[in-house]
Amino acid sequence: MSTNAGSQRNQSWVDFAGVMLAIAGIFQMIFGAAVLNQSQYLINKILYGNMEAWGWAYLIIGLILLGTAWFVFQRNPYAEVFGVVVAAISLAVQASVIAYQPIWSVIVVVVDILIIYGLVAHGDIRGMKSRT
């Protein structure tokens, strides 16, 4: 009985990570839309590239996060690995603008850390080898 309860708790963490993936995706998409809508929004604040490219990058990262969340909810074990990778990329991108958007970036960084924790500590990433 404790094994079933532990398994259910682990799955709850994975579901939580899936919800957090969706939230992080929405946050990234909002930020990308804001950057695209106001090209002056972050002008001279990001050291590299043009704002339109960054806006599209945020939108694409957001869509990938949302798609990964869907696959996590479908219990696809490879989505857990991909979710960790995409959350790490999202974390790195937000960390690069933390000096210019501190509150927004810190929120997304914390969400990304929770995603990584939920998928790594409670996901079935290690059990994938036994399935192949």
N, C-alpha and C. Protein backbone atom coordinates (compact mmCIF):
# COMPACT_ATOMS: atom_id res chain seq x y z
N MET A 1 0.81 -1.19 0.00
CA MET A 1 0.00 0.00 0.00
C MET A 1 0.86 1.26 0.00
N SER A 2 1.97 1.24 0.71
CA SER A 2 2.83 2.41 0.73
C SER A 2 3.49 2.63 -0.63
N THR A 3 3.74 1.55 -1.36
CA THR A 3 4.32 1.68 -2.68
C THR A 3 3.35 2.42 -3.60
N ASN A 4 2.08 2.09 -3.53
CA ASN A 4 1.07 2.74 -4.34
C ASN A 4 0.94 4.22 -3.95
N ALA A 5 0.97 4.50 -2.64
CA ALA A 5 0.89 5.89 -2.19
C ALA A 5 2.12 6.68 -2.64
N GLY A 6 3.30 6.06 -2.56
CA GLY A 6 4.52 6.73 -3.03
C GLY A 6 4.48 6.98 -4.52
N SER A 7 3.98 6.00 -5.27
CA SER A 7 3.87 6.15 -6.72
C SER A 7 2.88 7.25 -7.07
N GLN A 8 1.79 7.31 -6.32
CA GLN A 8 0.79 8.35 -6.57
C GLN A 8 1.35 9.73 -6.24
N ARG A 9 2.14 9.82 -5.16
CA ARG A 9 2.75 11.10 -4.80
C ARG A 9 3.75 11.53 -5.88
N ASN A 10 4.54 10.58 -6.39
CA ASN A 10 5.48 10.91 -7.46
C ASN A 10 4.74 11.39 -8.70
N GLN A 11 3.63 10.72 -9.05
CA GLN A 11 2.87 11.13 -10.21
C GLN A 11 2.26 12.51 -10.00
N SER A 12 1.89 12.81 -8.76
CA SER A 12 1.36 14.14 -8.47
C SER A 12 2.40 15.21 -8.73
N TRP A 13 3.66 14.93 -8.39
CA TRP A 13 4.73 15.87 -8.66
C TRP A 13 4.94 16.03 -10.16
N VAL A 14 4.83 14.95 -10.90
CA VAL A 14 4.99 15.03 -12.36
C VAL A 14 3.83 15.84 -12.95
N ASP A 15 2.62 15.62 -12.44
CA ASP A 15 1.48 16.42 -12.90
C ASP A 15 1.69 17.90 -12.55
N PHE A 16 2.20 18.15 -11.36
CA PHE A 16 2.52 19.52 -10.96
C PHE A 16 3.53 20.14 -11.93
N ALA A 17 4.55 19.37 -12.28
CA ALA A 17 5.56 19.86 -13.24
C ALA A 17 4.91 20.15 -14.59
N GLY A 18 3.94 19.32 -14.99
CA GLY A 18 3.23 19.57 -16.24
C GLY A 18 2.46 20.87 -16.20
N VAL A 19 1.80 21.13 -15.08
CA VAL A 19 1.07 22.39 -14.93
C VAL A 19 2.05 23.56 -14.96
N MET A 20 3.18 23.40 -14.27
CA MET A 20 4.18 24.45 -14.26
C MET A 20 4.78 24.68 -15.65
N LEU A 21 4.93 23.61 -16.44
CA LEU A 21 5.39 23.76 -17.82
C LEU A 21 4.41 24.62 -18.61
N ALA A 22 3.12 24.36 -18.43
CA ALA A 22 2.11 25.14 -19.13
C ALA A 22 2.14 26.60 -18.69
N ILE A 23 2.27 26.83 -17.38
CA ILE A 23 2.32 28.20 -16.87
C ILE A 23 3.57 28.92 -17.39
N ALA A 24 4.71 28.24 -17.36
CA ALA A 24 5.95 28.85 -17.88
C ALA A 24 5.80 29.16 -19.37
N GLY A 25 5.14 28.27 -20.11
CA GLY A 25 4.90 28.52 -21.53
C GLY A 25 4.05 29.75 -21.75
N ILE A 26 3.01 29.90 -20.94
CA ILE A 26 2.15 31.08 -21.07
C ILE A 26 2.92 32.34 -20.71
N PHE A 27 3.72 32.28 -19.63
CA PHE A 27 4.55 33.44 -19.26
C PHE A 27 5.49 33.83 -20.39
N GLN A 28 6.15 32.85 -20.98
CA GLN A 28 7.10 33.14 -22.07
C GLN A 28 6.36 33.75 -23.26
N MET A 29 5.18 33.24 -23.56
CA MET A 29 4.42 33.76 -24.69
C MET A 29 3.95 35.20 -24.44
N ILE A 30 3.53 35.49 -23.21
CA ILE A 30 3.13 36.86 -22.87
C ILE A 30 4.31 37.81 -23.02
N PHE A 31 5.46 37.39 -22.51
CA PHE A 31 6.65 38.23 -22.61
C PHE A 31 7.03 38.43 -24.07
N GLY A 32 6.98 37.37 -24.87
CA GLY A 32 7.30 37.48 -26.28
C GLY A 32 6.34 38.40 -27.01
N ALA A 33 5.05 38.30 -26.70
CA ALA A 33 4.05 39.18 -27.32
C ALA A 33 4.30 40.63 -26.92
N ALA A 34 4.68 40.87 -25.66
CA ALA A 34 4.97 42.23 -25.21
C ALA A 34 6.17 42.81 -25.95
N VAL A 35 7.20 41.98 -26.14
CA VAL A 35 8.38 42.44 -26.85
C VAL A 35 8.05 42.72 -28.31
N LEU A 36 7.25 41.85 -28.95
CA LEU A 36 6.88 42.07 -30.35
C LEU A 36 5.95 43.27 -30.51
N ASN A 37 5.05 43.46 -29.54
CA ASN A 37 4.09 44.54 -29.62
C ASN A 37 4.74 45.91 -29.45
N GLN A 38 5.73 45.99 -28.58
CA GLN A 38 6.44 47.24 -28.34
C GLN A 38 7.92 47.02 -28.61
N SER A 39 8.34 47.31 -29.82
CA SER A 39 9.74 47.04 -30.16
C SER A 39 10.69 47.86 -29.29
N GLN A 40 10.21 48.92 -28.67
CA GLN A 40 11.04 49.74 -27.79
C GLN A 40 11.09 49.19 -26.37
N TYR A 41 10.35 48.12 -26.11
CA TYR A 41 10.16 47.60 -24.75
C TYR A 41 11.47 47.28 -24.03
N LEU A 42 12.36 46.62 -24.70
CA LEU A 42 13.63 46.25 -24.08
C LEU A 42 14.83 46.82 -24.83
N ILE A 43 14.60 47.86 -25.60
CA ILE A 43 15.69 48.41 -26.39
C ILE A 43 16.85 48.84 -25.49
N ASN A 44 18.03 48.56 -25.88
CA ASN A 44 19.26 48.87 -25.13
C ASN A 44 19.32 48.16 -23.78
N LYS A 45 18.51 47.16 -23.57
CA LYS A 45 18.55 46.43 -22.31
C LYS A 45 19.11 45.03 -22.50
N ILE A 46 18.87 44.45 -23.63
CA ILE A 46 19.45 43.15 -23.93
C ILE A 46 20.67 43.40 -24.81
N LEU A 47 21.74 42.76 -24.49
CA LEU A 47 23.00 43.10 -25.12
C LEU A 47 23.17 42.55 -26.54
N TYR A 48 22.33 41.62 -26.93
CA TYR A 48 22.58 40.96 -28.21
C TYR A 48 21.28 40.77 -28.96
N GLY A 49 21.37 40.89 -30.28
CA GLY A 49 20.25 40.62 -31.16
C GLY A 49 19.24 41.75 -31.21
N ASN A 50 18.29 41.60 -32.14
CA ASN A 50 17.24 42.61 -32.22
C ASN A 50 16.01 42.13 -31.44
N MET A 51 15.16 43.06 -31.11
CA MET A 51 14.02 42.76 -30.25
C MET A 51 13.00 41.86 -30.92
N GLU A 52 12.82 42.00 -32.22
CA GLU A 52 11.86 41.15 -32.91
C GLU A 52 12.29 39.68 -32.84
N ALA A 53 13.57 39.44 -33.02
CA ALA A 53 14.07 38.06 -32.92
C ALA A 53 13.87 37.51 -31.52
N TRP A 54 14.13 38.34 -30.49
CA TRP A 54 13.92 37.87 -29.11
C TRP A 54 12.43 37.62 -28.85
N GLY A 55 11.57 38.47 -29.37
CA GLY A 55 10.13 38.27 -29.19
C GLY A 55 9.68 36.93 -29.78
N TRP A 56 10.15 36.63 -30.98
CA TRP A 56 9.80 35.35 -31.60
C TRP A 56 10.42 34.18 -30.84
N ALA A 57 11.62 34.37 -30.33
CA ALA A 57 12.26 33.29 -29.55
C ALA A 57 11.44 32.98 -28.30
N TYR A 58 10.98 34.02 -27.60
CA TYR A 58 10.15 33.80 -26.42
C TYR A 58 8.84 33.10 -26.79
N LEU A 59 8.23 33.51 -27.89
CA LEU A 59 6.99 32.85 -28.32
C LEU A 59 7.22 31.38 -28.65
N ILE A 60 8.30 31.08 -29.34
CA ILE A 60 8.60 29.70 -29.70
C ILE A 60 8.90 28.86 -28.47
N ILE A 61 9.69 29.41 -27.54
CA ILE A 61 9.97 28.68 -26.31
C ILE A 61 8.67 28.42 -25.55
N GLY A 62 7.79 29.41 -25.52
CA GLY A 62 6.50 29.23 -24.86
C GLY A 62 5.66 28.13 -25.48
N LEU A 63 5.61 28.10 -26.81
CA LEU A 63 4.87 27.04 -27.49
C LEU A 63 5.48 25.66 -27.23
N ILE A 64 6.80 25.59 -27.21
CA ILE A 64 7.46 24.30 -26.93
C ILE A 64 7.16 23.87 -25.50
N LEU A 65 7.18 24.81 -24.55
CA LEU A 65 6.83 24.47 -23.16
C LEU A 65 5.40 23.96 -23.06
N LEU A 66 4.47 24.61 -23.75
CA LEU A 66 3.07 24.14 -23.73
C LEU A 66 2.93 22.76 -24.35
N GLY A 67 3.61 22.53 -25.46
CA GLY A 67 3.57 21.20 -26.10
C GLY A 67 4.17 20.14 -25.20
N THR A 68 5.25 20.46 -24.54
CA THR A 68 5.88 19.51 -23.62
C THR A 68 4.96 19.20 -22.46
N ALA A 69 4.25 20.21 -21.96
CA ALA A 69 3.29 19.98 -20.87
C ALA A 69 2.23 18.98 -21.30
N TRP A 70 1.76 19.11 -22.52
CA TRP A 70 0.74 18.18 -23.02
C TRP A 70 1.28 16.74 -23.03
N PHE A 71 2.52 16.57 -23.51
CA PHE A 71 3.10 15.24 -23.54
C PHE A 71 3.38 14.70 -22.14
N VAL A 72 3.72 15.57 -21.19
CA VAL A 72 3.90 15.12 -19.81
C VAL A 72 2.58 14.60 -19.27
N PHE A 73 1.48 15.29 -19.56
CA PHE A 73 0.16 14.83 -19.12
C PHE A 73 -0.24 13.51 -19.78
N GLN A 74 0.32 13.24 -20.95
CA GLN A 74 0.06 11.97 -21.64
C GLN A 74 0.92 10.84 -21.11
N ARG A 75 1.74 11.13 -20.10
CA ARG A 75 2.61 10.15 -19.42
C ARG A 75 3.72 9.63 -20.34
N ASN A 76 4.14 10.44 -21.27
CA ASN A 76 5.23 10.08 -22.16
C ASN A 76 6.55 10.28 -21.40
N PRO A 77 7.33 9.21 -21.16
CA PRO A 77 8.56 9.35 -20.37
C PRO A 77 9.61 10.22 -21.06
N TYR A 78 9.62 10.25 -22.37
CA TYR A 78 10.59 11.08 -23.07
C TYR A 78 10.25 12.56 -22.92
N ALA A 79 8.98 12.86 -22.68
CA ALA A 79 8.58 14.24 -22.46
C ALA A 79 9.17 14.77 -21.16
N GLU A 80 9.40 13.88 -20.20
CA GLU A 80 10.01 14.31 -18.94
C GLU A 80 11.44 14.79 -19.19
N VAL A 81 12.18 14.05 -19.98
CA VAL A 81 13.56 14.45 -20.30
C VAL A 81 13.54 15.75 -21.10
N PHE A 82 12.69 15.82 -22.10
CA PHE A 82 12.58 17.01 -22.93
C PHE A 82 12.13 18.20 -22.09
N GLY A 83 11.23 17.95 -21.12
CA GLY A 83 10.77 19.01 -20.23
C GLY A 83 11.88 19.59 -19.40
N VAL A 84 12.78 18.73 -18.92
CA VAL A 84 13.94 19.21 -18.15
C VAL A 84 14.83 20.07 -19.04
N VAL A 85 15.07 19.62 -20.26
CA VAL A 85 15.94 20.37 -21.18
C VAL A 85 15.32 21.73 -21.53
N VAL A 86 14.03 21.73 -21.86
CA VAL A 86 13.37 22.98 -22.24
C VAL A 86 13.26 23.93 -21.05
N ALA A 87 12.99 23.39 -19.86
CA ALA A 87 12.94 24.24 -18.67
C ALA A 87 14.31 24.84 -18.37
N ALA A 88 15.37 24.08 -18.61
CA ALA A 88 16.72 24.61 -18.40
C ALA A 88 17.03 25.71 -19.41
N ILE A 89 16.59 25.54 -20.65
CA ILE A 89 16.79 26.58 -21.66
C ILE A 89 15.99 27.83 -21.28
N SER A 90 14.76 27.64 -20.86
CA SER A 90 13.93 28.76 -20.43
C SER A 90 14.56 29.48 -19.26
N LEU A 91 15.09 28.72 -18.32
CA LEU A 91 15.77 29.30 -17.15
C LEU A 91 16.96 30.13 -17.59
N ALA A 92 17.76 29.61 -18.50
CA ALA A 92 18.94 30.33 -18.98
C ALA A 92 18.56 31.62 -19.70
N VAL A 93 17.51 31.56 -20.51
CA VAL A 93 17.08 32.74 -21.25
C VAL A 93 16.57 33.80 -20.27
N GLN A 94 15.78 33.40 -19.29
CA GLN A 94 15.28 34.37 -18.32
C GLN A 94 16.40 34.92 -17.44
N ALA A 95 17.36 34.08 -17.11
CA ALA A 95 18.49 34.54 -16.30
C ALA A 95 19.31 35.59 -17.05
N SER A 96 19.29 35.53 -18.38
CA SER A 96 20.06 36.49 -19.16
C SER A 96 19.45 37.89 -19.14
N VAL A 97 18.18 38.01 -18.80
CA VAL A 97 17.54 39.34 -18.75
C VAL A 97 17.08 39.70 -17.34
N ILE A 98 17.58 38.99 -16.34
CA ILE A 98 17.12 39.20 -14.97
C ILE A 98 17.43 40.62 -14.46
N ALA A 99 18.47 41.22 -14.95
CA ALA A 99 18.82 42.58 -14.52
C ALA A 99 17.84 43.61 -15.05
N TYR A 100 17.15 43.31 -16.13
CA TYR A 100 16.27 44.28 -16.77
C TYR A 100 14.80 44.03 -16.47
N GLN A 101 14.45 42.81 -16.17
CA GLN A 101 13.07 42.44 -15.81
C GLN A 101 13.14 41.57 -14.57
N PRO A 102 13.54 42.10 -13.42
CA PRO A 102 13.84 41.26 -12.26
C PRO A 102 12.65 40.47 -11.72
N ILE A 103 11.53 41.09 -11.55
CA ILE A 103 10.39 40.38 -10.96
C ILE A 103 9.90 39.30 -11.90
N TRP A 104 9.67 39.67 -13.15
CA TRP A 104 9.18 38.72 -14.15
C TRP A 104 10.16 37.56 -14.31
N SER A 105 11.43 37.85 -14.43
CA SER A 105 12.43 36.82 -14.64
C SER A 105 12.55 35.89 -13.44
N VAL A 106 12.49 36.45 -12.24
CA VAL A 106 12.59 35.61 -11.04
C VAL A 106 11.40 34.67 -10.95
N ILE A 107 10.22 35.15 -11.29
CA ILE A 107 9.03 34.28 -11.27
C ILE A 107 9.22 33.11 -12.23
N VAL A 108 9.64 33.40 -13.44
CA VAL A 108 9.80 32.34 -14.44
C VAL A 108 10.96 31.41 -14.05
N VAL A 109 12.03 31.93 -13.48
CA VAL A 109 13.15 31.10 -13.04
C VAL A 109 12.70 30.14 -11.94
N VAL A 110 11.92 30.64 -10.97
CA VAL A 110 11.41 29.77 -9.90
C VAL A 110 10.50 28.69 -10.47
N VAL A 111 9.63 29.06 -11.40
CA VAL A 111 8.75 28.07 -12.04
C VAL A 111 9.59 27.02 -12.76
N ASP A 112 10.63 27.45 -13.48
CA ASP A 112 11.50 26.50 -14.18
C ASP A 112 12.22 25.56 -13.22
N ILE A 113 12.66 26.09 -12.08
CA ILE A 113 13.32 25.24 -11.08
C ILE A 113 12.35 24.21 -10.53
N LEU A 114 11.11 24.61 -10.28
CA LEU A 114 10.10 23.66 -9.80
C LEU A 114 9.81 22.58 -10.85
N ILE A 115 9.80 22.96 -12.11
CA ILE A 115 9.60 21.98 -13.19
C ILE A 115 10.73 20.96 -13.17
N ILE A 116 11.96 21.45 -13.13
CA ILE A 116 13.11 20.55 -13.15
C ILE A 116 13.08 19.63 -11.94
N TYR A 117 12.79 20.19 -10.77
CA TYR A 117 12.72 19.36 -9.56
C TYR A 117 11.63 18.29 -9.68
N GLY A 118 10.46 18.69 -10.10
CA GLY A 118 9.36 17.72 -10.20
C GLY A 118 9.65 16.59 -11.17
N LEU A 119 10.27 16.92 -12.29
CA LEU A 119 10.53 15.89 -13.30
C LEU A 119 11.73 15.02 -12.96
N VAL A 120 12.77 15.62 -12.37
CA VAL A 120 13.97 14.85 -12.07
C VAL A 120 13.79 14.03 -10.79
N ALA A 121 13.31 14.66 -9.75
CA ALA A 121 13.22 13.98 -8.46
C ALA A 121 12.06 12.98 -8.39
N HIS A 122 10.98 13.25 -9.12
CA HIS A 122 9.80 12.42 -8.98
C HIS A 122 9.32 11.79 -10.28
N GLY A 123 9.97 12.11 -11.37
CA GLY A 123 9.58 11.52 -12.65
C GLY A 123 10.18 10.14 -12.83
N ASP A 124 9.92 9.57 -13.98
CA ASP A 124 10.40 8.21 -14.27
C ASP A 124 11.54 8.27 -15.28
N ILE A 125 12.38 9.27 -15.16
CA ILE A 125 13.47 9.44 -16.12
C ILE A 125 14.43 8.25 -16.05
N ARG A 126 14.75 7.80 -14.85
CA ARG A 126 15.68 6.68 -14.72
C ARG A 126 15.06 5.36 -15.17
N GLY A 127 13.76 5.23 -15.08
CA GLY A 127 13.10 3.99 -15.46
C GLY A 127 12.94 3.81 -16.95
N MET A 128 13.32 4.80 -17.73
CA MET A 128 13.17 4.71 -19.18
C MET A 128 14.04 3.60 -19.75
N LYS A 129 15.18 3.35 -19.16
CA LYS A 129 16.08 2.33 -19.71
C LYS A 129 15.46 0.94 -19.63
N SER A 130 14.64 0.69 -18.62
CA SER A 130 14.02 -0.63 -18.49
C SER A 130 12.92 -0.85 -19.50
N ARG A 131 12.42 0.23 -20.12
CA ARG A 131 11.36 0.10 -21.11
C ARG A 131 11.87 -0.17 -22.51
N THR A 132 13.13 0.17 -22.75
CA THR A 132 13.64 0.00 -24.12
C THR A 132 14.23 -1.35 -24.34
